[in-house]
Protein backbone atom coordinates (compact mmCIF):
# COMPACT_ATOMS: atom_id res chain seq x y z
CA MET A 1 -77.50 -30.94 -3.27
CA LYS A 2 -76.51 -32.66 -0.09
CA LYS A 3 -77.46 -30.84 3.14
CA TYR A 4 -75.20 -31.03 6.22
CA TRP A 5 -76.64 -30.07 9.61
CA TYR A 6 -73.73 -28.63 11.61
CA ALA A 7 -74.04 -28.20 15.38
CA PHE A 8 -73.65 -24.69 16.78
CA VAL A 9 -75.20 -22.24 19.24
CA VAL A 10 -77.29 -19.31 18.05
CA PHE A 11 -75.49 -16.70 20.08
CA VAL A 12 -77.74 -15.23 22.71
CA VAL A 13 -74.58 -13.99 24.38
CA MET A 14 -73.77 -11.88 21.33
CA ALA A 15 -77.09 -10.07 21.61
CA SER A 16 -76.95 -9.43 25.34
CA GLN A 17 -73.34 -9.24 26.44
CA VAL A 18 -73.18 -5.44 26.66
CA GLN A 19 -76.37 -5.13 28.75
CA ALA A 20 -76.08 -5.05 32.53
CA GLN A 21 -78.25 -7.23 34.75
CA SER A 22 -79.47 -5.10 37.63
CA GLY A 23 -82.29 -4.77 40.12
CA TRP A 24 -82.76 -1.07 39.28
CA THR A 25 -85.37 0.20 36.87
CA ARG A 26 -85.41 3.40 34.83
CA LYS A 27 -87.20 6.54 35.95
CA ALA A 28 -90.61 7.11 34.40
CA LYS A 29 -90.42 8.52 30.83
CA SER A 30 -86.61 8.19 30.68
CA PHE A 31 -85.00 6.06 27.99
CA TYR A 32 -81.76 4.41 26.93
CA VAL A 33 -80.83 3.42 23.36
CA GLN A 34 -77.74 1.51 22.32
CA THR A 35 -76.41 0.22 19.02
CA THR A 36 -73.49 -2.24 18.88
CA ALA A 37 -71.59 -4.27 16.33
CA SER A 38 -70.39 -7.71 17.46
CA TYR A 39 -67.98 -10.24 15.97
CA TYR A 40 -67.33 -13.89 16.87
CA SER A 41 -65.08 -16.51 15.31
CA SER A 42 -64.12 -20.03 16.41
CA LYS A 43 -62.99 -23.42 15.11
CA ASP A 44 -63.11 -25.19 18.51
CA TYR A 45 -66.33 -27.15 18.85
CA TYR A 46 -67.28 -28.98 22.05
CA THR A 47 -69.62 -31.92 21.40
CA THR A 48 -72.71 -32.82 23.40
CA GLU A 49 -70.41 -35.04 25.50
CA GLY A 50 -68.07 -32.13 26.21
CA ILE A 51 -65.27 -33.38 23.95
CA LEU A 52 -63.24 -30.85 21.98
CA PHE A 53 -63.64 -31.63 18.28
CA ASP A 54 -61.88 -30.20 15.24
CA THR A 55 -64.59 -29.50 12.65
CA GLY A 56 -62.02 -28.58 10.03
CA SER A 57 -63.71 -25.25 9.39
CA ARG A 58 -64.00 -21.96 11.26
CA PHE A 59 -67.43 -20.58 12.18
CA ASN A 60 -67.88 -16.80 11.97
CA SER A 61 -70.79 -14.65 13.10
CA SER A 62 -71.27 -10.89 13.26
CA ALA A 63 -74.25 -8.73 14.10
CA LEU A 64 -75.59 -5.21 14.31
CA ILE A 65 -77.80 -4.97 17.41
CA LEU A 66 -80.23 -2.31 18.59
CA TYR A 67 -81.17 -2.28 22.28
CA GLY A 68 -83.53 0.05 24.13
CA GLU A 69 -85.12 0.65 27.54
CA TYR A 70 -88.01 2.92 28.47
CA GLY A 71 -89.31 3.79 31.93
CA VAL A 72 -93.05 3.10 31.80
CA THR A 73 -93.20 4.00 35.50
CA ASP A 74 -90.52 4.35 38.16
CA ARG A 75 -90.87 0.61 38.86
CA ILE A 76 -91.59 -0.81 35.37
CA THR A 77 -89.11 -0.73 32.49
CA ALA A 78 -89.90 -1.87 28.95
CA ILE A 79 -87.02 -3.52 27.05
CA VAL A 80 -86.44 -4.32 23.37
CA ASP A 81 -83.43 -6.11 21.83
CA VAL A 82 -83.23 -6.49 18.04
CA PRO A 83 -80.35 -8.10 16.08
CA VAL A 84 -81.11 -6.04 12.97
CA VAL A 85 -78.59 -7.88 10.81
CA MET A 86 -76.75 -11.14 11.51
CA LEU A 87 -74.11 -12.61 9.19
CA ASN A 88 -73.16 -16.29 9.57
CA SER A 89 -70.61 -18.36 7.68
CA PHE A 90 -68.04 -21.11 7.89
CA SER A 91 -64.64 -20.58 6.33
CA SER A 92 -65.71 -23.14 3.73
CA THR A 93 -69.07 -21.51 2.89
CA GLU A 94 -70.60 -18.34 1.60
CA THR A 95 -72.09 -15.87 4.10
CA VAL A 96 -75.82 -15.81 4.82
CA ALA A 97 -77.68 -12.86 6.35
CA GLY A 98 -80.89 -12.41 8.30
CA VAL A 99 -82.61 -10.79 11.25
CA GLY A 100 -82.03 -12.42 14.62
CA SER A 101 -84.74 -13.35 17.10
CA VAL A 102 -86.36 -10.25 18.63
CA ARG A 103 -86.63 -9.86 22.40
CA VAL A 104 -89.24 -7.70 24.09
CA GLY A 105 -89.59 -7.66 27.85
CA LEU A 106 -90.62 -5.99 31.07
CA LYS A 107 -88.67 -5.50 34.27
CA TYR A 108 -90.59 -4.85 37.51
CA ARG A 109 -88.89 -3.58 40.68
CA VAL A 110 -90.54 -5.43 43.55
CA PHE A 111 -89.83 -2.83 46.27
CA ASN A 112 -89.74 0.96 46.03
CA ASN A 113 -86.38 1.44 47.74
CA ILE A 114 -84.71 -1.97 47.36
CA PRO A 115 -83.14 -2.91 43.98
CA ILE A 116 -84.73 -6.32 43.53
CA ALA A 117 -86.53 -6.94 40.25
CA VAL A 118 -88.22 -9.65 38.23
CA GLN A 119 -87.83 -9.62 34.47
CA ALA A 120 -89.54 -11.51 31.67
CA ASP A 121 -88.24 -11.39 28.08
CA PHE A 122 -90.20 -12.83 25.19
CA GLU A 123 -87.93 -14.04 22.39
CA ILE A 124 -89.79 -14.01 19.08
CA PRO A 125 -88.39 -15.91 16.06
CA THR A 126 -88.01 -14.03 12.78
CA ASP A 127 -87.89 -17.11 10.53
CA ASP A 128 -88.43 -20.86 10.60
CA GLY A 129 -84.85 -21.68 11.59
CA THR A 130 -83.51 -22.39 8.09
CA ASN A 131 -81.01 -20.30 6.14
CA PHE A 132 -78.72 -22.35 3.94
CA ALA A 133 -75.20 -21.29 2.99
CA ARG A 134 -73.59 -22.83 -0.10
CA SER A 135 -70.10 -24.29 0.07
CA LYS A 136 -67.37 -22.37 -1.75
CA GLN A 137 -65.98 -25.48 -3.43
CA PRO A 138 -67.72 -28.55 -4.89
CA ASN A 139 -67.42 -31.86 -3.07
CA ALA A 140 -65.90 -35.08 -4.45
CA LEU A 141 -69.04 -35.69 -6.51
CA GLY A 142 -68.79 -32.27 -8.14
CA THR A 143 -71.83 -30.79 -6.39
CA PHE A 144 -72.03 -27.95 -3.89
CA ASP A 145 -73.04 -28.73 -0.29
CA GLU A 146 -75.52 -26.66 1.68
CA ILE A 147 -75.07 -25.91 5.39
CA ASN A 148 -77.88 -24.52 7.51
CA LEU A 149 -76.77 -21.37 9.39
CA PRO A 150 -79.97 -19.82 10.75
CA THR A 151 -80.00 -16.37 12.33
CA SER A 152 -83.13 -17.26 14.31
CA ASP A 153 -83.95 -20.67 15.78
CA GLY A 154 -87.60 -20.63 14.74
CA GLU A 155 -89.05 -21.15 18.22
CA PHE A 156 -90.61 -18.92 20.88
CA ASN A 157 -88.76 -18.51 24.21
CA VAL A 158 -89.63 -16.90 27.53
CA TRP A 159 -86.59 -15.85 29.58
CA THR A 160 -87.34 -15.14 33.27
CA ASN A 161 -84.96 -13.64 35.81
CA LEU A 162 -84.89 -12.63 39.46
CA ILE A 163 -82.24 -9.95 39.95
CA GLY A 164 -80.85 -8.38 43.11
CA SER A 165 -78.35 -5.50 43.25
CA HIS A 166 -76.53 -3.39 45.81
CA SER A 167 -74.38 -0.27 45.48
CA PHE A 168 -71.36 0.76 47.54
CA GLY A 169 -69.07 3.76 47.89
CA ASN A 170 -71.56 6.52 47.13
CA GLY A 171 -72.90 4.60 44.17
CA LYS A 172 -69.58 4.19 42.36
CA THR A 173 -69.47 0.42 42.88
CA TYR A 174 -72.29 -2.08 42.45
CA GLY A 175 -72.83 -5.82 42.51
CA SER A 176 -75.66 -7.92 41.09
CA LEU A 177 -76.77 -11.53 41.31
CA TYR A 178 -79.42 -13.06 39.07
CA THR A 179 -81.00 -16.41 38.31
CA GLY A 180 -83.74 -17.58 36.01
CA VAL A 181 -85.17 -20.09 33.56
CA ASN A 182 -85.59 -20.03 29.79
CA PHE A 183 -88.86 -21.74 28.86
CA ARG A 184 -88.56 -23.08 25.29
CA THR A 185 -91.18 -24.31 22.83
CA GLU A 186 -91.08 -26.79 19.92
CA SER A 187 -90.03 -29.58 22.33
CA PHE A 188 -86.63 -28.04 23.11
CA SER A 189 -85.22 -28.50 26.61
CA ASN A 190 -85.72 -25.67 29.08
CA GLN A 191 -82.58 -23.96 30.39
CA PHE A 192 -81.36 -22.61 33.72
CA GLN A 193 -79.09 -19.60 33.96
CA ALA A 194 -77.43 -17.73 36.82
CA GLY A 195 -74.81 -15.04 36.99
CA ALA A 196 -73.04 -12.26 38.82
CA GLU A 197 -71.77 -8.79 37.90
CA VAL A 198 -69.48 -6.29 39.62
CA GLY A 199 -69.00 -2.76 38.30
CA HIS A 200 -67.02 0.30 39.34
CA LEU A 201 -66.94 3.90 38.10
CA PHE A 202 -63.42 5.28 37.54
CA PHE A 203 -62.64 9.01 37.18
CA ASP A 204 -66.40 9.71 37.00
CA LYS A 205 -66.25 8.72 33.31
CA LEU A 206 -65.31 5.05 32.88
CA TYR A 207 -67.44 2.15 34.08
CA LEU A 208 -65.77 -1.28 34.09
CA ILE A 209 -68.06 -4.26 34.63
CA GLY A 210 -66.96 -7.87 35.19
CA LYS A 211 -69.45 -10.64 34.37
CA LEU A 212 -69.84 -14.35 35.06
CA ARG A 213 -72.71 -16.52 33.78
CA ILE A 214 -73.64 -20.20 33.64
CA LEU A 215 -76.17 -21.95 31.41
CA GLU A 216 -77.44 -25.44 32.20
CA LYS A 217 -79.93 -27.78 30.58
CA LEU A 218 -83.11 -28.55 32.52
CA SER A 219 -86.01 -30.67 31.29
CA SER A 220 -85.76 -32.70 28.14
CA SER A 221 -88.38 -33.78 25.65
CA ASP A 222 -88.19 -36.46 22.97
CA GLY A 223 -90.50 -34.60 20.62
CA PHE A 224 -87.84 -32.69 18.66
CA GLN A 225 -85.08 -34.79 17.14
CA GLY A 226 -84.34 -33.50 13.64
CA GLY A 227 -82.46 -30.37 14.65
CA SER A 228 -81.55 -30.99 18.28
CA PHE A 229 -77.89 -30.03 17.74
CA LEU A 230 -78.55 -27.21 15.33
CA TYR A 231 -80.38 -24.94 17.77
CA GLY A 232 -78.23 -25.39 20.85
CA GLU A 233 -80.19 -28.30 22.30
CA GLY A 234 -78.18 -29.58 25.27
CA THR A 235 -75.85 -26.58 25.23
CA THR A 236 -74.15 -25.79 28.55
CA PHE A 237 -71.32 -23.42 29.43
CA THR A 238 -69.70 -20.95 31.77
CA SER A 239 -69.08 -17.52 30.24
CA TYR A 240 -67.12 -14.58 31.53
CA GLY A 241 -66.63 -11.07 30.23
CA LEU A 242 -65.62 -7.47 30.71
CA ASN A 243 -67.69 -4.44 29.69
CA ALA A 244 -66.47 -0.85 29.44
CA ILE A 245 -68.69 2.23 29.27
CA TYR A 246 -66.97 5.58 28.69
CA LYS A 247 -69.02 8.76 29.03
CA LEU A 248 -68.41 11.08 26.08
CA GLY A 249 -70.85 13.67 27.41
CA GLU A 250 -73.90 14.10 29.58
CA HIS A 251 -76.04 11.78 27.44
CA LEU A 252 -73.63 10.02 25.07
CA SER A 253 -71.37 7.03 25.90
CA LEU A 254 -69.02 4.66 24.10
CA VAL A 255 -69.55 0.99 24.96
CA ALA A 256 -67.27 -2.01 24.41
CA ALA A 257 -67.34 -5.62 25.57
CA TYR A 258 -65.44 -8.90 25.41
CA SER A 259 -66.80 -12.28 26.46
CA ASP A 260 -65.57 -15.85 26.24
CA TYR A 261 -66.44 -19.36 27.45
CA ALA A 262 -64.88 -21.62 30.07
CA GLY A 263 -65.62 -24.97 31.72
CA PHE A 264 -64.65 -24.41 35.36
CA LEU A 265 -68.21 -24.21 36.74
CA VAL A 266 -70.34 -25.77 34.01
CA GLU A 267 -68.82 -27.95 31.30
CA ARG A 268 -68.83 -26.68 27.71
CA LYS A 269 -71.16 -28.80 25.58
CA ASN A 270 -72.58 -28.33 22.08
CA ILE A 271 -70.85 -24.99 21.59
CA TYR A 272 -68.16 -23.32 19.52
CA ASP A 273 -65.71 -21.90 22.05
CA GLY A 274 -64.32 -18.45 21.29
CA GLY A 275 -64.34 -14.78 22.20
CA THR A 276 -66.96 -12.22 21.16
CA PHE A 277 -65.99 -8.58 20.66
CA SER A 278 -68.51 -5.73 20.67
CA LEU A 279 -68.27 -2.00 20.11
CA GLY A 280 -71.03 0.59 20.07
CA ILE A 281 -72.54 3.83 21.25
CA SER A 282 -75.41 4.68 23.60
CA ILE A 283 -77.72 7.63 24.28
CA GLU A 284 -79.52 8.16 27.59
CA TYR A 285 -82.11 10.76 28.66
């Protein structure tokens, strides 16, 4: 069977869009657990030159994600982010399933009374970056094509961030700025990211959070050529989004999020451009 290597981004945004970036850490022995379902669909692909290209097929991805935080001390928070199930397909292929790359990390608040933190997340692959989906219809030669739609990119990453936050209006409004670098292995290019968030608490029950993020390519290596498009090599974008957190009780909340891409700060390259929707529930003690 013939194998086609389609270019697309493994969606880090899908796994992290409903998590806030902040300089605060959790209190010692407190925890936060969240489960969300996310869905993404797009047929608009931007090439590595930033040109909008019609692939002739729609890419779809959905995921069930578990996220947790635990206060090791008042200044150190442990973090885990697990895409338990990811489903990938094109409109012309069958759907393939797998576990996404697992993130485990630590956030350290630098000062006792100032919300500035450094965070390191270790992204661990769950497979070798191959998961082939079979085409629904045979090609002109009467055989079925195979398209690689991995749920994990098969390489180890280290995401680092410096985050600063400030609250206003008796704590009902906050703003955060962050910046950092993703150090990639397997000869992939490192990446630079930066972003901002603004959130406000309405009626003491509803938190609305606006987000803006950019991702840029940094260093480049010539060592990895065979799958440079497949794993988001050279991917750049601006993303924006809105999160909503509605308190159902003292410990239980409903969470929802929408995010999308734009090109007004950083040009869209090597990415399928479309919105991601997420809905879930969280527990905090």
